[in-house]
Amino acid sequence: TPQRFVTQISRGLGPLLPHEHLELLLGDGARNRYLRLGEHPGGALWGDPSLVISGEHLDVAGIFGDESSLIAEDIYDDARWPRGFLTAGDQGGTDIRSLAGARLQLRNGTSAYLLAGSIGPDLYTQEDAELLNLLAGLITPQVAAFLPREALPAEHPKRDPHPHLELLARIAGLLATTPSSSVATELIAAEARATIPFDRLSFALRVPNTEHVVLLEPGETRPLGSLKPLSVETAMARVLNGDLPCAFEQEGKDGRMIVPLRVAARVQGALVFTAESAAALTEQHVVPAQQLADLLAPHLDLWVRSAAPVKPAAAAPSRPRSMPAYPAMPGRQRDSGTARQARG
């Protein structure tokens, strides 16, 4: 339901953007009324008068104007925002004072408005508005799905779309508009889970002019230059060397799928998908995984090249340290595609 959807969005947004209230308002297209979609328990829209706000009482479209985002330092004494409308339920109904907002463009000229609020003034910055804009773009398809079917325009003949086009388009948008690599990698991992059934995603990035990689986890905030270079073995090394188009590994109940990060016909690293069930990742997931890797590769390569030079650790008398997350496995190992080789 819309109510559960907004509740889940609020929980996920909390660590990145602290807030005491998250509101999702749906406009009627004429600025006459707005529906508190985030409070809607399901069923027909606009049927509960208690969830409908008059445009004369609160003109959200007018407040946004032509802007796609909004920052309000303190709405407490702003007559455009009625008292008692935005309150913090966990704070005894305390009025919200600072706001960050983003507009969602839906079909037929309809808009929705995502508003995050705090009881403290002067809390949000333009970076927070940009984050909400990114989130608005991600949730727009689901919000549009809540609209009634009669609101749809006349259908054109259906075509067979690219099965992963929406995922790739959303991730391309994230890469183009997200200045923080840590936020971008977290959002990318979250988006990819809708298509590829993995529990963990790692970015193995080749250190320039070496045979080592650095292992980047989603949300990593440390500079690439501070990450310890690691040597690689087994299927990972064969993918990085171009000997395999992709590879599968199994260790205990965990299964891994490894696809190369390719830039200008060179392998610059690999995406490593790990699932807690070895049977979860199969050959049918290779295509979307490789398309995702090809989209990410130039951006990841740019991050590596723009980072401070990374030098491999001094060679120890013993053999180089292997990647702890990807040890050589005595058990089952299988390679994908025509590159499967018989074991000698």
C-alpha atoms as a PDB file:
ATOM      1  CA  THR A   1       0.000   0.000   0.000  1.00  0.00           C
ATOM      2  CA  PRO A   2       1.135   3.643  -0.357  1.00  0.00           C
ATOM      3  CA  GLN A   3       1.303   3.953   3.426  1.00  0.00           C
ATOM      4  CA  ARG A   4       3.616   0.961   3.844  1.00  0.00           C
ATOM      5  CA  PHE A   5       5.700   2.074   0.881  1.00  0.00           C
ATOM      6  CA  VAL A   6       6.377   5.520   2.368  1.00  0.00           C
ATOM      7  CA  THR A   7       7.090   3.977   5.776  1.00  0.00           C
ATOM      8  CA  GLN A   8       9.753   1.755   4.216  1.00  0.00           C
ATOM      9  CA  ILE A   9      11.209   4.698   2.292  1.00  0.00           C
ATOM     10  CA  SER A  10      11.401   6.692   5.527  1.00  0.00           C
ATOM     11  CA  ARG A  11      13.274   3.905   7.314  1.00  0.00           C
ATOM     12  CA  GLY A  12      15.764   3.518   4.490  1.00  0.00           C
ATOM     13  CA  LEU A  13      16.285   7.267   4.155  1.00  0.00           C
ATOM     14  CA  GLY A  14      16.850   7.855   7.871  1.00  0.00           C
ATOM     15  CA  PRO A  15      20.594   7.050   8.016  1.00  0.00           C
ATOM     16  CA  LEU A  16      21.322   9.315   5.025  1.00  0.00           C
ATOM     17  CA  LEU A  17      18.878  12.135   5.765  1.00  0.00           C
ATOM     18  CA  PRO A  18      17.675  12.448   9.394  1.00  0.00           C
ATOM     19  CA  HIS A  19      14.026  13.427   9.613  1.00  0.00           C
ATOM     20  CA  GLU A  20      11.060  13.215  11.974  1.00  0.00           C
ATOM     21  CA  HIS A  21       8.419  13.242   9.241  1.00  0.00           C
ATOM     22  CA  LEU A  22       8.241  12.107   5.612  1.00  0.00           C
ATOM     23  CA  GLU A  23       5.288  13.251   3.533  1.00  0.00           C
ATOM     24  CA  LEU A  24       4.279  12.255   0.002  1.00  0.00           C
ATOM     25  CA  LEU A  25       1.622  14.529  -1.503  1.00  0.00           C
ATOM     26  CA  LEU A  26      -0.125  13.713  -4.778  1.00  0.00           C
ATOM     27  CA  GLY A  27      -1.521  16.654  -6.759  1.00  0.00           C
ATOM     28  CA  ASP A  28      -4.678  16.490  -8.841  1.00  0.00           C
ATOM     29  CA  GLY A  29      -3.023  18.235 -11.812  1.00  0.00           C
ATOM     30  CA  ALA A  30      -5.024  21.435 -11.357  1.00  0.00           C
ATOM     31  CA  ARG A  31      -3.582  22.623  -7.998  1.00  0.00           C
ATOM     32  CA  ASN A  32      -7.063  22.359  -6.472  1.00  0.00           C
ATOM     33  CA  ARG A  33      -6.288  19.595  -3.988  1.00  0.00           C
ATOM     34  CA  TYR A  34      -3.552  17.287  -2.745  1.00  0.00           C
ATOM     35  CA  LEU A  35      -3.775  13.740  -1.405  1.00  0.00           C
ATOM     36  CA  ARG A  36      -1.630  12.615   1.522  1.00  0.00           C
ATOM     37  CA  LEU A  37      -0.525   9.507  -0.338  1.00  0.00           C
ATOM     38  CA  GLY A  38       1.883   8.486   2.414  1.00  0.00           C
ATOM     39  CA  GLU A  39      -1.085   8.106   4.804  1.00  0.00           C
ATOM     40  CA  HIS A  40      -3.256   6.175   2.331  1.00  0.00           C
ATOM     41  CA  PRO A  41      -3.952   2.593   3.522  1.00  0.00           C
ATOM     42  CA  GLY A  42      -4.900   1.312   0.061  1.00  0.00           C
ATOM     43  CA  GLY A  43      -7.962   1.159  -2.140  1.00  0.00           C
ATOM     44  CA  ALA A  44      -9.471   3.939  -4.230  1.00  0.00           C
ATOM     45  CA  LEU A  45      -7.606   7.242  -4.152  1.00  0.00           C
ATOM     46  CA  TRP A  46      -9.301  10.503  -3.106  1.00  0.00           C
ATOM     47  CA  GLY A  47     -12.063   8.577  -1.322  1.00  0.00           C
ATOM     48  CA  ASP A  48     -11.105   9.588   2.226  1.00  0.00           C
ATOM     49  CA  PRO A  49     -11.761  13.323   2.792  1.00  0.00           C
ATOM     50  CA  SER A  50      -9.478  13.329   5.839  1.00  0.00           C
ATOM     51  CA  LEU A  51      -6.494  12.693   3.551  1.00  0.00           C
ATOM     52  CA  VAL A  52      -7.333  15.453   1.055  1.00  0.00           C
ATOM     53  CA  ILE A  53      -5.910  18.963   1.465  1.00  0.00           C
ATOM     54  CA  SER A  54      -7.376  21.947  -0.358  1.00  0.00           C
ATOM     55  CA  GLY A  55      -5.051  23.878  -2.649  1.00  0.00           C
ATOM     56  CA  GLU A  56      -6.277  27.046  -0.966  1.00  0.00           C
ATOM     57  CA  HIS A  57      -5.107  25.689   2.382  1.00  0.00           C
ATOM     58  CA  LEU A  58      -1.723  24.485   1.100  1.00  0.00           C
ATOM     59  CA  ASP A  59      -0.515  25.197  -2.452  1.00  0.00           C
ATOM     60  CA  VAL A  60       2.525  22.944  -2.688  1.00  0.00           C
ATOM     61  CA  ALA A  61       2.871  23.407  -6.463  1.00  0.00           C
ATOM     62  CA  GLY A  62       2.927  27.179  -5.965  1.00  0.00           C
ATOM     63  CA  ILE A  63       5.587  26.900  -3.262  1.00  0.00           C
ATOM     64  CA  PHE A  64       7.821  24.788  -5.511  1.00  0.00           C
ATOM     65  CA  GLY A  65       7.184  27.015  -8.522  1.00  0.00           C
ATOM     66  CA  ASP A  66       9.364  25.900 -11.426  1.00  0.00           C
ATOM     67  CA  GLU A  67      11.942  24.248  -9.179  1.00  0.00           C
ATOM     68  CA  SER A  68      12.332  20.493  -8.850  1.00  0.00           C
ATOM     69  CA  SER A  69      13.581  20.687  -5.265  1.00  0.00           C
ATOM     70  CA  LEU A  70      12.939  22.760  -2.164  1.00  0.00           C
ATOM     71  CA  ILE A  71      14.830  23.840   0.954  1.00  0.00           C
ATOM     72  CA  ALA A  72      12.900  25.645   3.699  1.00  0.00           C
ATOM     73  CA  GLU A  73      15.010  26.776   6.649  1.00  0.00           C
ATOM     74  CA  ASP A  74      12.053  27.434   8.971  1.00  0.00           C
ATOM     75  CA  ILE A  75       8.359  27.123   8.054  1.00  0.00           C
ATOM     76  CA  TYR A  76       7.087  27.827  11.583  1.00  0.00           C
ATOM     77  CA  ASP A  77       6.111  31.446  10.809  1.00  0.00           C
ATOM     78  CA  ASP A  78       5.581  30.939   7.069  1.00  0.00           C
ATOM     79  CA  ALA A  79       1.894  31.476   6.298  1.00  0.00           C
ATOM     80  CA  ARG A  80       2.145  29.275   3.208  1.00  0.00           C
ATOM     81  CA  TRP A  81       2.559  26.225   5.468  1.00  0.00           C
ATOM     82  CA  PRO A  82      -0.466  25.740   7.776  1.00  0.00           C
ATOM     83  CA  ARG A  83       0.238  24.935  11.409  1.00  0.00           C
ATOM     84  CA  GLY A  84      -0.457  21.394  12.507  1.00  0.00           C
ATOM     85  CA  PHE A  85      -0.216  19.906   9.012  1.00  0.00           C
ATOM     86  CA  LEU A  86       3.368  18.630   9.212  1.00  0.00           C
ATOM     87  CA  THR A  87       4.081  17.225  12.659  1.00  0.00           C
ATOM     88  CA  ALA A  88       6.475  14.723  14.219  1.00  0.00           C
ATOM     89  CA  GLY A  89       4.359  11.830  15.481  1.00  0.00           C
ATOM     90  CA  ASP A  90       7.154  10.489  17.702  1.00  0.00           C
ATOM     91  CA  GLN A  91       7.670  13.915  19.281  1.00  0.00           C
ATOM     92  CA  GLY A  92       4.181  14.485  20.675  1.00  0.00           C
ATOM     93  CA  GLY A  93       2.901  16.196  17.553  1.00  0.00           C
ATOM     94  CA  THR A  94       5.621  18.879  17.533  1.00  0.00           C
ATOM     95  CA  ASP A  95       5.454  21.086  14.444  1.00  0.00           C
ATOM     96  CA  ILE A  96       7.988  20.497  11.701  1.00  0.00           C
ATOM     97  CA  ARG A  97      10.224  23.531  11.124  1.00  0.00           C
ATOM     98  CA  SER A  98      12.845  22.758   8.465  1.00  0.00           C
ATOM     99  CA  LEU A  99      12.007  21.019   5.177  1.00  0.00           C
ATOM    100  CA  ALA A 100      13.705  19.472   2.192  1.00  0.00           C
ATOM    101  CA  GLY A 101      11.560  18.482  -0.770  1.00  0.00           C
ATOM    102  CA  ALA A 102      11.602  17.072  -4.285  1.00  0.00           C
ATOM    103  CA  ARG A 103       9.027  16.970  -7.076  1.00  0.00           C
ATOM    104  CA  LEU A 104       8.062  13.703  -8.828  1.00  0.00           C
ATOM    105  CA  GLN A 105       6.837  14.072 -12.405  1.00  0.00           C
ATOM    106  CA  LEU A 106       4.117  11.506 -13.056  1.00  0.00           C
ATOM    107  CA  ARG A 107       1.967  10.887 -16.130  1.00  0.00           C
ATOM    108  CA  ASN A 108      -0.640  13.234 -17.624  1.00  0.00           C
ATOM    109  CA  GLY A 109       1.027  16.274 -16.098  1.00  0.00           C
ATOM    110  CA  THR A 110       0.437  15.040 -12.564  1.00  0.00           C
ATOM    111  CA  SER A 111       3.052  15.743  -9.904  1.00  0.00           C
ATOM    112  CA  ALA A 112       3.774  14.396  -6.459  1.00  0.00           C
ATOM    113  CA  TYR A 113       5.902  15.998  -3.765  1.00  0.00           C
ATOM    114  CA  LEU A 114       8.262  14.215  -1.383  1.00  0.00           C
ATOM    115  CA  LEU A 115       8.874  16.251   1.785  1.00  0.00           C
ATOM    116  CA  ALA A 116      11.313  15.375   4.589  1.00  0.00           C
ATOM    117  CA  GLY A 117      10.967  17.482   7.729  1.00  0.00           C
ATOM    118  CA  SER A 118      12.653  18.045  11.063  1.00  0.00           C
ATOM    119  CA  ILE A 119      11.513  19.742  14.254  1.00  0.00           C
ATOM    120  CA  GLY A 120      14.738  21.759  14.294  1.00  0.00           C
ATOM    121  CA  PRO A 121      15.245  24.843  12.069  1.00  0.00           C
ATOM    122  CA  ASP A 122      18.030  25.329   9.513  1.00  0.00           C
ATOM    123  CA  LEU A 123      18.809  21.614   9.299  1.00  0.00           C
ATOM    124  CA  TYR A 124      18.882  20.861   5.570  1.00  0.00           C
ATOM    125  CA  THR A 125      21.239  21.936   2.781  1.00  0.00           C
ATOM    126  CA  GLN A 126      21.187  21.822  -1.000  1.00  0.00           C
ATOM    127  CA  GLU A 127      23.001  18.472  -0.868  1.00  0.00           C
ATOM    128  CA  ASP A 128      20.035  17.064   1.048  1.00  0.00           C
ATOM    129  CA  ALA A 129      17.689  18.360  -1.653  1.00  0.00           C
ATOM    130  CA  GLU A 130      19.850  16.663  -4.300  1.00  0.00           C
ATOM    131  CA  LEU A 131      19.639  13.393  -2.374  1.00  0.00           C
ATOM    132  CA  LEU A 132      15.847  13.672  -2.259  1.00  0.00           C
ATOM    133  CA  ASN A 133      15.822  14.393  -5.995  1.00  0.00           C
ATOM    134  CA  LEU A 134      17.715  11.156  -6.596  1.00  0.00           C
ATOM    135  CA  LEU A 135      15.328   9.260  -4.355  1.00  0.00           C
ATOM    136  CA  ALA A 136      12.345  10.845  -6.126  1.00  0.00           C
ATOM    137  CA  GLY A 137      13.619   9.571  -9.461  1.00  0.00           C
ATOM    138  CA  LEU A 138      14.000   6.063  -8.067  1.00  0.00           C
ATOM    139  CA  ILE A 139      10.526   5.835  -6.547  1.00  0.00           C
ATOM    140  CA  THR A 140       8.610   7.577  -9.357  1.00  0.00           C
ATOM    141  CA  PRO A 141       7.678   4.295 -11.154  1.00  0.00           C
ATOM    142  CA  GLN A 142       6.228   2.829  -7.937  1.00  0.00           C
ATOM    143  CA  VAL A 143       4.333   6.013  -7.083  1.00  0.00           C
ATOM    144  CA  ALA A 144       2.926   6.102 -10.625  1.00  0.00           C
ATOM    145  CA  ALA A 145       1.739   2.523 -10.129  1.00  0.00           C
ATOM    146  CA  PHE A 146      -0.556   3.733  -7.329  1.00  0.00           C
ATOM    147  CA  LEU A 147      -2.488   5.915  -9.778  1.00  0.00           C
ATOM    148  CA  PRO A 148      -5.754   4.446 -11.079  1.00  0.00           C
ATOM    149  CA  ARG A 149      -5.722   2.763 -14.469  1.00  0.00           C
ATOM    150  CA  GLU A 150      -8.257   5.253 -15.844  1.00  0.00           C
ATOM    151  CA  ALA A 151      -5.611   7.959 -15.445  1.00  0.00           C
ATOM    152  CA  LEU A 152      -3.476   6.274 -18.065  1.00  0.00           C
ATOM    153  CA  PRO A 153      -3.342   7.818 -21.553  1.00  0.00           C
ATOM    154  CA  ALA A 154      -4.519   5.787 -24.528  1.00  0.00           C
ATOM    155  CA  GLU A 155      -2.216   2.833 -24.870  1.00  0.00           C
ATOM    156  CA  HIS A 156       0.050   2.541 -27.876  1.00  0.00           C
ATOM    157  CA  PRO A 157       0.829  -0.853 -29.378  1.00  0.00           C
ATOM    158  CA  LYS A 158       3.001  -2.700 -26.926  1.00  0.00           C
ATOM    159  CA  ARG A 159       6.583  -3.347 -27.850  1.00  0.00           C
ATOM    160  CA  ASP A 160       9.039  -5.711 -26.311  1.00  0.00           C
ATOM    161  CA  PRO A 161      11.262  -3.336 -24.319  1.00  0.00           C
ATOM    162  CA  HIS A 162      14.804  -4.089 -23.301  1.00  0.00           C
ATOM    163  CA  PRO A 163      14.259  -6.205 -20.158  1.00  0.00           C
ATOM    164  CA  HIS A 164      16.793  -4.250 -18.087  1.00  0.00           C
ATOM    165  CA  LEU A 165      16.478  -0.833 -19.709  1.00  0.00           C
ATOM    166  CA  GLU A 166      14.816   0.848 -16.728  1.00  0.00           C
ATOM    167  CA  LEU A 167      17.493  -0.424 -14.337  1.00  0.00           C
ATOM    168  CA  LEU A 168      20.328   0.753 -16.575  1.00  0.00           C
ATOM    169  CA  ALA A 169      18.653   4.124 -17.159  1.00  0.00           C
ATOM    170  CA  ARG A 170      18.213   4.714 -13.423  1.00  0.00           C
ATOM    171  CA  ILE A 171      21.816   3.774 -12.680  1.00  0.00           C
ATOM    172  CA  ALA A 172      23.069   5.988 -15.520  1.00  0.00           C
ATOM    173  CA  GLY A 173      21.142   8.840 -13.918  1.00  0.00           C
ATOM    174  CA  LEU A 174      22.680   8.081 -10.531  1.00  0.00           C
ATOM    175  CA  LEU A 175      26.199   8.081 -11.972  1.00  0.00           C
ATOM    176  CA  ALA A 176      25.581  11.360 -13.779  1.00  0.00           C
ATOM    177  CA  THR A 177      24.094  13.250 -10.819  1.00  0.00           C
ATOM    178  CA  THR A 178      25.677  11.806  -7.665  1.00  0.00           C
ATOM    179  CA  PRO A 179      28.890  13.602  -6.658  1.00  0.00           C
ATOM    180  CA  SER A 180      29.685  11.175  -3.832  1.00  0.00           C
ATOM    181  CA  SER A 181      31.076   7.790  -4.881  1.00  0.00           C
ATOM    182  CA  SER A 182      30.094   6.262  -1.510  1.00  0.00           C
ATOM    183  CA  VAL A 183      26.443   7.288  -1.945  1.00  0.00           C
ATOM    184  CA  ALA A 184      26.492   6.255  -5.606  1.00  0.00           C
ATOM    185  CA  THR A 185      27.801   2.742  -4.886  1.00  0.00           C
ATOM    186  CA  GLU A 186      25.175   2.229  -2.169  1.00  0.00           C
ATOM    187  CA  LEU A 187      22.347   3.324  -4.444  1.00  0.00           C
ATOM    188  CA  ILE A 188      23.691   1.216  -7.329  1.00  0.00           C
ATOM    189  CA  ALA A 189      23.815  -1.902  -5.138  1.00  0.00           C
ATOM    190  CA  ALA A 190      20.257  -1.249  -3.950  1.00  0.00           C
ATOM    191  CA  GLU A 191      18.999  -0.805  -7.514  1.00  0.00           C
ATOM    192  CA  ALA A 192      20.777  -3.892  -8.867  1.00  0.00           C
ATOM    193  CA  ARG A 193      19.108  -6.154  -6.300  1.00  0.00           C
ATOM    194  CA  ALA A 194      15.822  -5.710  -8.165  1.00  0.00           C
ATOM    195  CA  THR A 195      17.276  -7.675 -11.101  1.00  0.00           C
ATOM    196  CA  ILE A 196      20.124  -9.790  -9.732  1.00  0.00           C
ATOM    197  CA  PRO A 197      19.557 -11.940  -6.606  1.00  0.00           C
ATOM    198  CA  PHE A 198      22.679 -11.216  -4.552  1.00  0.00           C
ATOM    199  CA  ASP A 199      23.329 -10.500  -0.882  1.00  0.00           C
ATOM    200  CA  ARG A 200      26.666  -8.698  -1.251  1.00  0.00           C
ATOM    201  CA  LEU A 201      28.298  -6.735  -4.074  1.00  0.00           C
ATOM    202  CA  SER A 202      31.987  -5.854  -4.263  1.00  0.00           C
ATOM    203  CA  PHE A 203      33.929  -3.757  -6.760  1.00  0.00           C
ATOM    204  CA  ALA A 204      37.394  -5.201  -7.429  1.00  0.00           C
ATOM    205  CA  LEU A 205      39.348  -2.369  -9.075  1.00  0.00           C
ATOM    206  CA  ARG A 206      42.691  -3.034 -10.725  1.00  0.00           C
ATOM    207  CA  VAL A 207      45.554  -0.863  -9.445  1.00  0.00           C
ATOM    208  CA  PRO A 208      47.126   0.806 -12.523  1.00  0.00           C
ATOM    209  CA  ASN A 209      50.304  -0.860 -13.802  1.00  0.00           C
ATOM    210  CA  THR A 210      50.104  -3.737 -11.295  1.00  0.00           C
ATOM    211  CA  GLU A 211      48.534  -7.163 -10.940  1.00  0.00           C
ATOM    212  CA  HIS A 212      46.783  -6.104  -7.749  1.00  0.00           C
ATOM    213  CA  VAL A 213      43.275  -4.869  -7.008  1.00  0.00           C
ATOM    214  CA  VAL A 214      41.644  -2.819  -4.289  1.00  0.00           C
ATOM    215  CA  LEU A 215      38.334  -4.075  -2.970  1.00  0.00           C
ATOM    216  CA  LEU A 216      35.619  -1.418  -2.753  1.00  0.00           C
ATOM    217  CA  GLU A 217      32.410  -2.136  -0.842  1.00  0.00           C
ATOM    218  CA  PRO A 218      29.206  -0.125  -1.406  1.00  0.00           C
ATOM    219  CA  GLY A 219      29.195   2.949   0.812  1.00  0.00           C
ATOM    220  CA  GLU A 220      32.992   2.967   1.276  1.00  0.00           C
ATOM    221  CA  THR A 221      34.039   6.473   2.347  1.00  0.00           C
ATOM    222  CA  ARG A 222      37.804   6.015   2.595  1.00  0.00           C
ATOM    223  CA  PRO A 223      39.905   7.305  -0.334  1.00  0.00           C
ATOM    224  CA  LEU A 224      40.905   4.600  -2.797  1.00  0.00           C
ATOM    225  CA  GLY A 225      44.545   5.398  -2.081  1.00  0.00           C
ATOM    226  CA  SER A 226      44.111   4.272   1.531  1.00  0.00           C
ATOM    227  CA  LEU A 227      42.759   0.817   0.622  1.00  0.00           C
ATOM    228  CA  LYS A 228      45.249  -2.035   0.779  1.00  0.00           C
ATOM    229  CA  PRO A 229      46.130  -3.564  -2.611  1.00  0.00           C
ATOM    230  CA  LEU A 230      45.503  -7.312  -2.766  1.00  0.00           C
ATOM    231  CA  SER A 231      46.724 -10.070  -5.036  1.00  0.00           C
ATOM    232  CA  VAL A 232      44.144 -12.277  -6.728  1.00  0.00           C
ATOM    233  CA  GLU A 233      43.880 -15.975  -7.464  1.00  0.00           C
ATOM    234  CA  THR A 234      41.531 -18.592  -8.888  1.00  0.00           C
ATOM    235  CA  ALA A 235      38.612 -17.544 -11.074  1.00  0.00           C
ATOM    236  CA  MET A 236      39.015 -13.843 -10.270  1.00  0.00           C
ATOM    237  CA  ALA A 237      42.510 -13.824 -11.785  1.00  0.00           C
ATOM    238  CA  ARG A 238      41.297 -15.616 -14.916  1.00  0.00           C
ATOM    239  CA  VAL A 239      38.534 -13.057 -15.427  1.00  0.00           C
ATOM    240  CA  LEU A 240      40.942 -10.146 -14.898  1.00  0.00           C
ATOM    241  CA  ASN A 241      43.404 -11.684 -17.373  1.00  0.00           C
ATOM    242  CA  GLY A 242      40.677 -12.044 -19.990  1.00  0.00           C
ATOM    243  CA  ASP A 243      40.876 -15.840 -19.975  1.00  0.00           C
ATOM    244  CA  LEU A 244      37.198 -16.152 -18.967  1.00  0.00           C
ATOM    245  CA  PRO A 245      34.228 -13.991 -19.972  1.00  0.00           C
ATOM    246  CA  CYS A 246      32.808 -14.537 -16.461  1.00  0.00           C
ATOM    247  CA  ALA A 247      33.070 -17.080 -13.687  1.00  0.00           C
ATOM    248  CA  PHE A 248      31.110 -18.767 -10.923  1.00  0.00           C
ATOM    249  CA  GLU A 249      32.533 -19.977  -7.631  1.00  0.00           C
ATOM    250  CA  GLN A 250      31.045 -21.822  -4.710  1.00  0.00           C
ATOM    251  CA  GLU A 251      32.264 -21.953  -1.120  1.00  0.00           C
ATOM    252  CA  GLY A 252      30.054 -23.819   1.276  1.00  0.00           C
ATOM    253  CA  LYS A 253      26.530 -22.498   0.774  1.00  0.00           C
ATOM    254  CA  ASP A 254      27.718 -19.212  -0.764  1.00  0.00           C
ATOM    255  CA  GLY A 255      27.861 -18.716  -4.507  1.00  0.00           C
ATOM    256  CA  ARG A 256      29.724 -15.982  -6.383  1.00  0.00           C
ATOM    257  CA  MET A 257      29.381 -14.600  -9.871  1.00  0.00           C
ATOM    258  CA  ILE A 258      32.281 -12.565 -11.272  1.00  0.00           C
ATOM    259  CA  VAL A 259      31.985 -10.382 -14.376  1.00  0.00           C
ATOM    260  CA  PRO A 260      34.699  -8.104 -15.793  1.00  0.00           C
ATOM    261  CA  LEU A 261      34.724  -4.312 -15.726  1.00  0.00           C
ATOM    262  CA  ARG A 262      35.677  -3.487 -19.319  1.00  0.00           C
ATOM    263  CA  VAL A 263      36.946  -0.156 -20.641  1.00  0.00           C
ATOM    264  CA  ALA A 264      38.133   0.203 -24.255  1.00  0.00           C
ATOM    265  CA  ALA A 265      38.591  -3.576 -24.585  1.00  0.00           C
ATOM    266  CA  ARG A 266      40.700  -3.695 -21.397  1.00  0.00           C
ATOM    267  CA  VAL A 267      39.664  -5.410 -18.170  1.00  0.00           C
ATOM    268  CA  GLN A 268      40.033  -2.861 -15.383  1.00  0.00           C
ATOM    269  CA  GLY A 269      38.515  -4.919 -12.592  1.00  0.00           C
ATOM    270  CA  ALA A 270      35.476  -7.026 -11.799  1.00  0.00           C
ATOM    271  CA  LEU A 271      32.067  -6.952 -10.165  1.00  0.00           C
ATOM    272  CA  VAL A 272      31.673  -9.729  -7.615  1.00  0.00           C
ATOM    273  CA  PHE A 273      28.123 -10.754  -6.700  1.00  0.00           C
ATOM    274  CA  THR A 274      27.781 -13.032  -3.672  1.00  0.00           C
ATOM    275  CA  ALA A 275      24.595 -14.891  -2.748  1.00  0.00           C
ATOM    276  CA  GLU A 276      24.069 -16.860   0.433  1.00  0.00           C
ATOM    277  CA  SER A 277      22.452 -19.574  -1.671  1.00  0.00           C
ATOM    278  CA  ALA A 278      24.784 -21.063  -4.262  1.00  0.00           C
ATOM    279  CA  ALA A 279      21.842 -21.807  -6.560  1.00  0.00           C
ATOM    280  CA  ALA A 280      20.614 -18.197  -6.595  1.00  0.00           C
ATOM    281  CA  LEU A 281      23.107 -16.901  -9.176  1.00  0.00           C
ATOM    282  CA  THR A 282      22.939 -18.637 -12.555  1.00  0.00           C
ATOM    283  CA  GLU A 283      23.919 -18.070 -16.179  1.00  0.00           C
ATOM    284  CA  GLN A 284      20.695 -16.145 -16.792  1.00  0.00           C
ATOM    285  CA  HIS A 285      22.019 -13.368 -14.530  1.00  0.00           C
ATOM    286  CA  VAL A 286      25.262 -12.940 -16.487  1.00  0.00           C
ATOM    287  CA  VAL A 287      23.720 -10.657 -19.146  1.00  0.00           C
ATOM    288  CA  PRO A 288      22.261  -8.029 -16.761  1.00  0.00           C
ATOM    289  CA  ALA A 289      25.365  -8.251 -14.577  1.00  0.00           C
ATOM    290  CA  GLN A 290      27.669  -7.642 -17.543  1.00  0.00           C
ATOM    291  CA  GLN A 291      25.517  -4.785 -18.826  1.00  0.00           C
ATOM    292  CA  LEU A 292      25.705  -3.208 -15.377  1.00  0.00           C
ATOM    293  CA  ALA A 293      29.482  -3.728 -15.281  1.00  0.00           C
ATOM    294  CA  ASP A 294      29.938  -2.140 -18.721  1.00  0.00           C
ATOM    295  CA  LEU A 295      27.916   0.888 -17.586  1.00  0.00           C
ATOM    296  CA  LEU A 296      29.871   1.276 -14.348  1.00  0.00           C
ATOM    297  CA  ALA A 297      33.347   0.518 -15.675  1.00  0.00           C
ATOM    298  CA  PRO A 298      34.251   3.954 -17.153  1.00  0.00           C
ATOM    299  CA  HIS A 299      33.101   5.714 -13.976  1.00  0.00           C
ATOM    300  CA  LEU A 300      34.992   3.320 -11.711  1.00  0.00           C
ATOM    301  CA  ASP A 301      38.070   3.692 -13.912  1.00  0.00           C
ATOM    302  CA  LEU A 302      37.798   7.467 -13.558  1.00  0.00           C
ATOM    303  CA  TRP A 303      37.585   7.170  -9.771  1.00  0.00           C
ATOM    304  CA  VAL A 304      40.723   5.000  -9.745  1.00  0.00           C
ATOM    305  CA  ARG A 305      42.664   7.368 -11.996  1.00  0.00           C
ATOM    306  CA  SER A 306      41.620  10.452 -10.038  1.00  0.00           C
ATOM    307  CA  ALA A 307      42.619   8.888  -6.711  1.00  0.00           C
ATOM    308  CA  ALA A 308      46.051   9.281  -5.219  1.00  0.00           C
ATOM    309  CA  PRO A 309      48.516   6.715  -6.639  1.00  0.00           C
ATOM    310  CA  VAL A 310      48.139   3.353  -4.960  1.00  0.00           C
ATOM    311  CA  LYS A 311      51.300   1.309  -4.512  1.00  0.00           C
ATOM    312  CA  PRO A 312      51.245  -2.397  -3.730  1.00  0.00           C
ATOM    313  CA  ALA A 313      52.478  -3.411  -0.309  1.00  0.00           C
ATOM    314  CA  ALA A 314      56.153  -4.377  -0.172  1.00  0.00           C
ATOM    315  CA  ALA A 315      56.688  -7.979  -1.170  1.00  0.00           C
ATOM    316  CA  ALA A 316      57.103 -10.287   1.801  1.00  0.00           C
ATOM    317  CA  PRO A 317      59.406 -13.304   1.753  1.00  0.00           C
ATOM    318  CA  SER A 318      56.354 -15.548   1.563  1.00  0.00           C
ATOM    319  CA  ARG A 319      53.832 -15.667  -1.276  1.00  0.00           C
ATOM    320  CA  PRO A 320      51.629 -12.518  -1.818  1.00  0.00           C
ATOM    321  CA  ARG A 321      48.611 -12.203   0.400  1.00  0.00           C
ATOM    322  CA  SER A 322      45.422 -13.366  -1.312  1.00  0.00           C
ATOM    323  CA  MET A 323      42.133 -11.527  -1.166  1.00  0.00           C
ATOM    324  CA  PRO A 324      40.540 -12.642   2.128  1.00  0.00           C
ATOM    325  CA  ALA A 325      37.045 -12.525   0.690  1.00  0.00           C
ATOM    326  CA  TYR A 326      37.896 -14.715  -2.277  1.00  0.00           C
ATOM    327  CA  PRO A 327      40.282 -17.542  -1.253  1.00  0.00           C
ATOM    328  CA  ALA A 328      41.148 -20.418  -3.506  1.00  0.00           C
ATOM    329  CA  MET A 329      38.455 -22.988  -2.941  1.00  0.00           C
ATOM    330  CA  PRO A 330      39.097 -26.716  -2.975  1.00  0.00           C
ATOM    331  CA  GLY A 331      35.420 -27.396  -3.609  1.00  0.00           C
ATOM    332  CA  ARG A 332      33.265 -26.989  -6.682  1.00  0.00           C
ATOM    333  CA  GLN A 333      34.136 -24.290  -9.204  1.00  0.00           C
ATOM    334  CA  ARG A 334      32.351 -23.720 -12.461  1.00  0.00           C
ATOM    335  CA  ASP A 335      33.048 -21.362 -15.321  1.00  0.00           C
ATOM    336  CA  SER A 336      30.431 -19.785 -17.514  1.00  0.00           C
ATOM    337  CA  GLY A 337      29.919 -19.791 -21.258  1.00  0.00           C
ATOM    338  CA  THR A 338      32.050 -21.412 -23.891  1.00  0.00           C
ATOM    339  CA  ALA A 339      35.142 -20.735 -21.816  1.00  0.00           C
ATOM    340  CA  ARG A 340      34.513 -23.706 -19.500  1.00  0.00           C
ATOM    341  CA  GLN A 341      37.658 -25.769 -19.433  1.00  0.00           C
ATOM    342  CA  ALA A 342      38.034 -29.381 -18.448  1.00  0.00           C
ATOM    343  CA  ARG A 343      40.015 -29.843 -15.296  1.00  0.00           C
ATOM    344  CA  GLY A 344      43.205 -31.738 -15.700  1.00  0.00           C
END
